[in-house]
């Protein structure tokens, strides 16, 4: 919180340290939400720029991580909306050329089997409704508490719990049929 307060006073070094601490987790979440590195980098940059501009408005009612994640979630939602609009327009062009759009770029991890499994799981998560996908990613990828997720999504804790339960149940069904 001290770093954010210093950043609000236009202390670039403090903001740089805040970025060094928070950016890796935010980037990981953006990758999961958006499915590719380029969009994740753009959203992270927009998130950090927005945070720097509005650092003075941070009231300390939540952790800095929760506050930044909320900004990132809003930016990611805007990006997904833009991408969907562009995809509708682009899909007409690709039909003319016979190209198929590929929206998922997996992170580089272990063996080929691990990569394939991660791609399959990511594809399954991608089929979840957005509100379920958000809670799964915030809880399982970011490791956030129910309270933090509720604050970020601006819903009651019970709503987070029910969405998470439904998301896990849906993934369990998909994974069961996968095996």
C-alpha atoms as a PDB file:
ATOM      1  CA  UNK A   1       0.000   0.000   0.000  1.00  0.00           C
ATOM      2  CA  UNK A   2       2.928   2.317   0.701  1.00  0.00           C
ATOM      3  CA  UNK A   3       4.202   1.805  -2.852  1.00  0.00           C
ATOM      4  CA  UNK A   4       0.838   2.771  -4.307  1.00  0.00           C
ATOM      5  CA  UNK A   5       0.670   5.862  -2.092  1.00  0.00           C
ATOM      6  CA  UNK A   6       4.148   6.857  -3.268  1.00  0.00           C
ATOM      7  CA  UNK A   7       3.109   6.208  -6.878  1.00  0.00           C
ATOM      8  CA  UNK A   8       0.124   8.504  -6.335  1.00  0.00           C
ATOM      9  CA  UNK A   9       2.683  11.217  -5.546  1.00  0.00           C
ATOM     10  CA  UNK A  10       4.213  10.518  -8.995  1.00  0.00           C
ATOM     11  CA  UNK A  11       7.112   8.450  -7.597  1.00  0.00           C
ATOM     12  CA  UNK A  12       8.082   6.420 -10.661  1.00  0.00           C
ATOM     13  CA  UNK A  13      10.493   4.197  -8.715  1.00  0.00           C
ATOM     14  CA  UNK A  14       7.739   3.174  -6.288  1.00  0.00           C
ATOM     15  CA  UNK A  15       5.410   2.416  -9.156  1.00  0.00           C
ATOM     16  CA  UNK A  16       8.162   0.407 -10.858  1.00  0.00           C
ATOM     17  CA  UNK A  17       8.583  -1.691  -7.716  1.00  0.00           C
ATOM     18  CA  UNK A  18       4.808  -2.193  -7.523  1.00  0.00           C
ATOM     19  CA  UNK A  19       4.813  -3.355 -11.145  1.00  0.00           C
ATOM     20  CA  UNK A  20       7.705  -5.751 -10.468  1.00  0.00           C
ATOM     21  CA  UNK A  21       5.738  -7.329  -7.619  1.00  0.00           C
ATOM     22  CA  UNK A  22       2.289  -7.513  -9.207  1.00  0.00           C
ATOM     23  CA  UNK A  23       2.826  -7.829 -12.972  1.00  0.00           C
ATOM     24  CA  UNK A  24       3.714 -11.557 -13.160  1.00  0.00           C
ATOM     25  CA  UNK A  25       0.472 -12.673 -11.470  1.00  0.00           C
ATOM     26  CA  UNK A  26      -1.601 -10.159 -13.402  1.00  0.00           C
ATOM     27  CA  UNK A  27      -0.038 -11.278 -16.665  1.00  0.00           C
ATOM     28  CA  UNK A  28      -0.731 -14.939 -15.870  1.00  0.00           C
ATOM     29  CA  UNK A  29      -4.387 -14.105 -15.229  1.00  0.00           C
ATOM     30  CA  UNK A  30      -4.612 -12.042 -18.416  1.00  0.00           C
ATOM     31  CA  UNK A  31      -3.158 -14.961 -20.428  1.00  0.00           C
ATOM     32  CA  UNK A  32      -5.807 -17.295 -19.022  1.00  0.00           C
ATOM     33  CA  UNK A  33      -8.590 -14.808 -19.605  1.00  0.00           C
ATOM     34  CA  UNK A  34      -7.603 -13.822 -23.115  1.00  0.00           C
ATOM     35  CA  UNK A  35      -5.824 -16.875 -24.443  1.00  0.00           C
ATOM     36  CA  UNK A  36      -2.893 -15.205 -26.135  1.00  0.00           C
ATOM     37  CA  UNK A  37       0.228 -13.339 -25.214  1.00  0.00           C
ATOM     38  CA  UNK A  38      -0.323 -10.230 -27.335  1.00  0.00           C
ATOM     39  CA  UNK A  39      -3.751  -9.426 -25.898  1.00  0.00           C
ATOM     40  CA  UNK A  40      -2.530 -10.240 -22.381  1.00  0.00           C
ATOM     41  CA  UNK A  41       0.397  -7.840 -22.755  1.00  0.00           C
ATOM     42  CA  UNK A  42      -1.914  -5.102 -24.070  1.00  0.00           C
ATOM     43  CA  UNK A  43      -4.395  -5.579 -21.240  1.00  0.00           C
ATOM     44  CA  UNK A  44      -1.628  -5.633 -18.640  1.00  0.00           C
ATOM     45  CA  UNK A  45      -0.210  -2.414 -20.047  1.00  0.00           C
ATOM     46  CA  UNK A  46      -3.658  -0.771 -20.028  1.00  0.00           C
ATOM     47  CA  UNK A  47      -4.205  -2.003 -16.471  1.00  0.00           C
ATOM     48  CA  UNK A  48      -0.924  -0.589 -15.206  1.00  0.00           C
ATOM     49  CA  UNK A  49      -1.388   2.706 -17.042  1.00  0.00           C
ATOM     50  CA  UNK A  50      -4.879   3.031 -15.568  1.00  0.00           C
ATOM     51  CA  UNK A  51      -3.580   2.167 -12.111  1.00  0.00           C
ATOM     52  CA  UNK A  52      -0.848   4.792 -12.345  1.00  0.00           C
ATOM     53  CA  UNK A  53      -3.366   7.454 -13.396  1.00  0.00           C
ATOM     54  CA  UNK A  54      -5.842   6.554 -10.654  1.00  0.00           C
ATOM     55  CA  UNK A  55      -3.398   5.650  -7.870  1.00  0.00           C
ATOM     56  CA  UNK A  56      -4.570   8.691  -5.914  1.00  0.00           C
ATOM     57  CA  UNK A  57      -8.133   7.358  -5.863  1.00  0.00           C
ATOM     58  CA  UNK A  58      -7.176   4.096  -4.132  1.00  0.00           C
ATOM     59  CA  UNK A  59      -8.932   4.179  -0.749  1.00  0.00           C
ATOM     60  CA  UNK A  60      -7.258   1.163   0.846  1.00  0.00           C
ATOM     61  CA  UNK A  61     -10.520  -0.735   1.325  1.00  0.00           C
ATOM     62  CA  UNK A  62      -8.936  -3.745  -0.360  1.00  0.00           C
ATOM     63  CA  UNK A  63      -5.438  -4.990  -1.024  1.00  0.00           C
ATOM     64  CA  UNK A  64      -3.484  -3.479  -3.896  1.00  0.00           C
ATOM     65  CA  UNK A  65      -3.536  -6.893  -5.580  1.00  0.00           C
ATOM     66  CA  UNK A  66      -7.338  -6.999  -5.419  1.00  0.00           C
ATOM     67  CA  UNK A  67      -7.617  -3.448  -6.714  1.00  0.00           C
ATOM     68  CA  UNK A  68      -5.256  -4.141  -9.638  1.00  0.00           C
ATOM     69  CA  UNK A  69      -7.017  -7.417 -10.447  1.00  0.00           C
ATOM     70  CA  UNK A  70     -10.332  -5.576 -10.624  1.00  0.00           C
ATOM     71  CA  UNK A  71      -8.856  -3.117 -13.109  1.00  0.00           C
ATOM     72  CA  UNK A  72      -7.401  -6.004 -15.124  1.00  0.00           C
ATOM     73  CA  UNK A  73     -10.745  -7.843 -15.180  1.00  0.00           C
ATOM     74  CA  UNK A  74     -12.493  -4.764 -16.581  1.00  0.00           C
ATOM     75  CA  UNK A  75      -9.769  -4.249 -19.190  1.00  0.00           C
ATOM     76  CA  UNK A  76      -9.875  -7.937 -20.171  1.00  0.00           C
ATOM     77  CA  UNK A  77     -13.649  -7.774 -20.553  1.00  0.00           C
ATOM     78  CA  UNK A  78     -13.299  -4.768 -22.869  1.00  0.00           C
ATOM     79  CA  UNK A  79     -10.644  -6.603 -24.879  1.00  0.00           C
ATOM     80  CA  UNK A  80     -12.821  -9.716 -25.228  1.00  0.00           C
ATOM     81  CA  UNK A  81     -15.685  -7.527 -26.445  1.00  0.00           C
ATOM     82  CA  UNK A  82     -13.464  -5.863 -29.038  1.00  0.00           C
ATOM     83  CA  UNK A  83     -12.125  -9.239 -30.120  1.00  0.00           C
ATOM     84  CA  UNK A  84     -15.628 -10.686 -30.526  1.00  0.00           C
ATOM     85  CA  UNK A  85     -16.671  -7.728 -32.674  1.00  0.00           C
ATOM     86  CA  UNK A  86     -13.494  -8.040 -34.751  1.00  0.00           C
ATOM     87  CA  UNK A  87     -13.919 -11.810 -34.999  1.00  0.00           C
ATOM     88  CA  UNK A  88     -17.400 -11.409 -36.484  1.00  0.00           C
ATOM     89  CA  UNK A  89     -16.044  -9.009 -39.062  1.00  0.00           C
ATOM     90  CA  UNK A  90     -12.865 -11.034 -39.598  1.00  0.00           C
ATOM     91  CA  UNK A  91     -14.684 -14.351 -39.903  1.00  0.00           C
ATOM     92  CA  UNK A  92     -16.375 -13.129 -43.056  1.00  0.00           C
ATOM     93  CA  UNK A  93     -12.965 -12.325 -44.524  1.00  0.00           C
ATOM     94  CA  UNK A  94     -11.489 -15.650 -43.439  1.00  0.00           C
ATOM     95  CA  UNK A  95     -14.405 -17.553 -44.974  1.00  0.00           C
ATOM     96  CA  UNK A  96     -13.498 -15.951 -48.269  1.00  0.00           C
ATOM     97  CA  UNK A  97      -9.881 -17.091 -47.899  1.00  0.00           C
ATOM     98  CA  UNK A  98     -10.719 -20.418 -46.245  1.00  0.00           C
ATOM     99  CA  UNK A  99      -8.721 -19.633 -43.091  1.00  0.00           C
ATOM    100  CA  UNK A 100      -9.653 -20.839 -39.617  1.00  0.00           C
ATOM    101  CA  UNK A 101      -9.054 -18.499 -36.701  1.00  0.00           C
ATOM    102  CA  UNK A 102      -7.077 -19.884 -33.784  1.00  0.00           C
ATOM    103  CA  UNK A 103      -7.716 -17.979 -30.556  1.00  0.00           C
ATOM    104  CA  UNK A 104      -5.596 -19.970 -28.088  1.00  0.00           C
ATOM    105  CA  UNK A 105      -1.864 -19.801 -27.608  1.00  0.00           C
ATOM    106  CA  UNK A 106      -0.762 -22.048 -24.744  1.00  0.00           C
ATOM    107  CA  UNK A 107       1.992 -21.140 -22.320  1.00  0.00           C
ATOM    108  CA  UNK A 108       5.252 -22.995 -22.770  1.00  0.00           C
ATOM    109  CA  UNK A 109       5.321 -25.778 -20.199  1.00  0.00           C
ATOM    110  CA  UNK A 110       6.783 -29.279 -19.747  1.00  0.00           C
ATOM    111  CA  UNK A 111       6.258 -32.207 -22.076  1.00  0.00           C
ATOM    112  CA  UNK A 112       4.070 -32.447 -25.154  1.00  0.00           C
ATOM    113  CA  UNK A 113       1.479 -34.335 -23.093  1.00  0.00           C
ATOM    114  CA  UNK A 114       1.408 -31.505 -20.536  1.00  0.00           C
ATOM    115  CA  UNK A 115       0.974 -28.970 -23.314  1.00  0.00           C
ATOM    116  CA  UNK A 116      -1.854 -30.964 -24.897  1.00  0.00           C
ATOM    117  CA  UNK A 117      -3.573 -31.406 -21.539  1.00  0.00           C
ATOM    118  CA  UNK A 118      -3.252 -27.700 -20.742  1.00  0.00           C
ATOM    119  CA  UNK A 119      -4.652 -26.760 -24.152  1.00  0.00           C
ATOM    120  CA  UNK A 120      -7.587 -29.114 -23.614  1.00  0.00           C
ATOM    121  CA  UNK A 121      -8.276 -27.756 -20.137  1.00  0.00           C
ATOM    122  CA  UNK A 122      -7.982 -24.186 -21.377  1.00  0.00           C
ATOM    123  CA  UNK A 123     -10.436 -24.992 -24.157  1.00  0.00           C
ATOM    124  CA  UNK A 124     -12.827 -26.458 -21.585  1.00  0.00           C
ATOM    125  CA  UNK A 125     -12.524 -23.378 -19.385  1.00  0.00           C
ATOM    126  CA  UNK A 126     -13.123 -21.217 -22.442  1.00  0.00           C
ATOM    127  CA  UNK A 127     -16.503 -22.938 -23.001  1.00  0.00           C
ATOM    128  CA  UNK A 128     -17.728 -21.913 -19.541  1.00  0.00           C
ATOM    129  CA  UNK A 129     -19.982 -18.878 -19.246  1.00  0.00           C
ATOM    130  CA  UNK A 130     -17.890 -15.773 -18.580  1.00  0.00           C
ATOM    131  CA  UNK A 131     -19.004 -15.393 -14.957  1.00  0.00           C
ATOM    132  CA  UNK A 132     -17.976 -18.998 -14.218  1.00  0.00           C
ATOM    133  CA  UNK A 133     -14.708 -18.678 -16.125  1.00  0.00           C
ATOM    134  CA  UNK A 134     -13.801 -15.568 -14.134  1.00  0.00           C
ATOM    135  CA  UNK A 135     -14.253 -17.188 -10.718  1.00  0.00           C
ATOM    136  CA  UNK A 136     -12.330 -20.325 -11.738  1.00  0.00           C
ATOM    137  CA  UNK A 137      -9.394 -18.273 -12.974  1.00  0.00           C
ATOM    138  CA  UNK A 138      -9.361 -15.901 -10.030  1.00  0.00           C
ATOM    139  CA  UNK A 139      -9.531 -18.760  -7.529  1.00  0.00           C
ATOM    140  CA  UNK A 140      -7.427 -21.455  -9.213  1.00  0.00           C
ATOM    141  CA  UNK A 141      -4.932 -19.423 -11.235  1.00  0.00           C
ATOM    142  CA  UNK A 142      -4.598 -16.351  -9.018  1.00  0.00           C
ATOM    143  CA  UNK A 143      -5.266 -18.133  -5.727  1.00  0.00           C
ATOM    144  CA  UNK A 144      -7.559 -15.390  -4.489  1.00  0.00           C
ATOM    145  CA  UNK A 145      -9.904 -15.709  -1.548  1.00  0.00           C
ATOM    146  CA  UNK A 146     -13.676 -15.714  -1.927  1.00  0.00           C
ATOM    147  CA  UNK A 147     -13.785 -12.236  -0.382  1.00  0.00           C
ATOM    148  CA  UNK A 148     -11.244 -10.860  -2.858  1.00  0.00           C
ATOM    149  CA  UNK A 149     -13.115 -12.379  -5.795  1.00  0.00           C
ATOM    150  CA  UNK A 150     -16.418 -10.981  -4.519  1.00  0.00           C
ATOM    151  CA  UNK A 151     -14.877  -7.535  -4.263  1.00  0.00           C
ATOM    152  CA  UNK A 152     -13.327  -7.679  -7.729  1.00  0.00           C
ATOM    153  CA  UNK A 153     -16.511  -8.914  -9.393  1.00  0.00           C
ATOM    154  CA  UNK A 154     -18.711  -6.735  -7.165  1.00  0.00           C
ATOM    155  CA  UNK A 155     -20.981  -9.612  -6.153  1.00  0.00           C
ATOM    156  CA  UNK A 156     -21.769 -11.191  -2.774  1.00  0.00           C
ATOM    157  CA  UNK A 157     -19.507 -13.953  -1.462  1.00  0.00           C
ATOM    158  CA  UNK A 158     -22.361 -16.460  -1.808  1.00  0.00           C
ATOM    159  CA  UNK A 159     -22.574 -15.686  -5.503  1.00  0.00           C
ATOM    160  CA  UNK A 160     -18.849 -16.367  -5.856  1.00  0.00           C
ATOM    161  CA  UNK A 161     -19.263 -19.680  -4.030  1.00  0.00           C
ATOM    162  CA  UNK A 162     -22.195 -20.795  -6.181  1.00  0.00           C
ATOM    163  CA  UNK A 163     -20.493 -19.758  -9.427  1.00  0.00           C
ATOM    164  CA  UNK A 164     -17.342 -21.566  -8.401  1.00  0.00           C
ATOM    165  CA  UNK A 165     -19.322 -24.686  -7.477  1.00  0.00           C
ATOM    166  CA  UNK A 166     -21.126 -24.654 -10.832  1.00  0.00           C
ATOM    167  CA  UNK A 167     -17.935 -23.961 -12.769  1.00  0.00           C
ATOM    168  CA  UNK A 168     -16.118 -26.820 -11.072  1.00  0.00           C
ATOM    169  CA  UNK A 169     -19.068 -29.166 -11.652  1.00  0.00           C
ATOM    170  CA  UNK A 170     -19.161 -28.247 -15.343  1.00  0.00           C
ATOM    171  CA  UNK A 171     -15.427 -28.767 -15.689  1.00  0.00           C
ATOM    172  CA  UNK A 172     -15.654 -32.077 -13.858  1.00  0.00           C
ATOM    173  CA  UNK A 173     -18.264 -33.284 -16.367  1.00  0.00           C
ATOM    174  CA  UNK A 174     -16.141 -32.146 -19.283  1.00  0.00           C
ATOM    175  CA  UNK A 175     -13.009 -33.748 -17.822  1.00  0.00           C
ATOM    176  CA  UNK A 176     -14.864 -36.990 -17.118  1.00  0.00           C
ATOM    177  CA  UNK A 177     -15.941 -37.235 -20.751  1.00  0.00           C
ATOM    178  CA  UNK A 178     -12.397 -36.243 -21.799  1.00  0.00           C
ATOM    179  CA  UNK A 179     -10.841 -39.304 -20.174  1.00  0.00           C
END
